[in-house]
Protein backbone atom coordinates (compact mmCIF):
# COMPACT_ATOMS: atom_id res chain seq x y z
CA UNK A 1 21.38 -131.72 179.95
CA UNK A 2 24.35 -133.93 180.69
CA UNK A 3 24.51 -135.84 183.95
CA UNK A 4 27.09 -134.40 186.37
CA UNK A 5 29.68 -137.09 187.20
CA UNK A 6 29.74 -136.23 190.92
CA UNK A 7 33.07 -137.92 191.59
CA UNK A 8 32.95 -137.10 195.30
CA UNK A 9 29.46 -138.60 195.61
CA UNK A 10 27.99 -135.76 197.66
CA UNK A 11 27.33 -132.96 195.18
CA UNK A 12 24.06 -131.09 195.04
CA UNK A 13 24.41 -130.82 191.26
CA UNK A 14 22.61 -133.45 189.15
CA UNK A 15 23.10 -132.23 185.59
CA UNK A 16 24.54 -129.40 183.55
CA UNK A 17 24.49 -127.81 180.13
CA UNK A 18 27.24 -125.58 178.78
CA UNK A 19 26.76 -122.94 176.12
CA UNK A 20 29.03 -120.26 174.74
CA UNK A 21 27.94 -117.69 177.31
CA UNK A 22 26.16 -119.71 180.00
CA UNK A 23 26.17 -122.73 182.28
CA UNK A 24 22.84 -124.23 183.27
CA UNK A 25 22.78 -126.42 186.39
CA UNK A 26 20.05 -128.66 187.77
CA UNK A 27 20.31 -129.25 191.53
CA UNK A 28 19.00 -132.22 193.53
CA UNK A 29 16.98 -129.87 195.72
CA UNK A 30 15.08 -128.68 192.68
CA UNK A 31 15.40 -125.90 190.24
CA UNK A 32 17.55 -125.15 187.25
CA UNK A 33 19.92 -122.21 187.62
CA UNK A 34 21.44 -120.28 184.75
CA UNK A 35 24.83 -118.60 185.21
CA UNK A 36 26.03 -116.20 182.54
CA UNK A 37 29.08 -114.07 181.96
CA UNK A 38 26.91 -111.02 182.62
CA UNK A 39 25.68 -112.42 185.95
CA UNK A 40 28.88 -113.87 187.44
CA UNK A 41 31.73 -112.60 185.25
CA UNK A 42 34.00 -114.32 182.77
CA UNK A 43 36.38 -115.77 185.38
CA UNK A 44 33.63 -117.47 187.38
CA UNK A 45 31.81 -118.69 184.29
CA UNK A 46 35.03 -120.30 183.00
CA UNK A 47 35.52 -121.99 186.39
CA UNK A 48 31.94 -123.30 186.41
CA UNK A 49 32.42 -124.77 182.92
CA UNK A 50 35.73 -126.38 183.87
CA UNK A 51 34.35 -127.90 187.08
CA UNK A 52 31.18 -129.14 185.39
CA UNK A 53 33.24 -130.97 182.76
CA UNK A 54 35.57 -132.36 185.44
CA UNK A 55 32.67 -133.67 187.52
CA UNK A 56 34.07 -132.50 190.83
CA UNK A 57 34.09 -129.35 192.94
CA UNK A 58 31.16 -127.54 191.36
CA UNK A 59 28.87 -127.24 194.41
CA UNK A 60 31.82 -126.33 196.61
CA UNK A 61 32.92 -123.59 194.23
CA UNK A 62 29.44 -122.12 194.11
CA UNK A 63 29.01 -122.15 197.88
CA UNK A 64 32.45 -120.61 198.48
CA UNK A 65 31.85 -117.67 196.12
CA UNK A 66 28.92 -115.52 197.21
CA UNK A 67 28.98 -113.61 193.95
CA UNK A 68 28.28 -116.92 192.18
CA UNK A 69 25.75 -118.44 194.60
CA UNK A 70 23.72 -115.22 194.57
CA UNK A 71 24.61 -114.29 191.00
CA UNK A 72 22.56 -116.62 188.88
CA UNK A 73 20.86 -114.97 185.94
CA UNK A 74 17.67 -117.02 186.07
CA UNK A 75 16.02 -119.86 187.95
CA UNK A 76 13.57 -122.27 186.34
CA UNK A 77 11.48 -124.77 188.26
CA UNK A 78 12.21 -127.58 185.78
CA UNK A 79 14.48 -128.28 182.84
């Protein structure tokens, strides 16, 4: 996984991995969450990828969109 830049300095996201049809995020509070096109839709998945690469706004986006925060495809305890 690639370290999330966390430009604002207060993100809950530590690291991410982007694939063709998924984004995998590791949070500071623990757990690795997988978001897929099937689980959150193409529009949200594209936004998650864009924000992960930018290093800003990812946690905010997730918390502001219930369909994303509750729509992860899978949760792993560790990477």
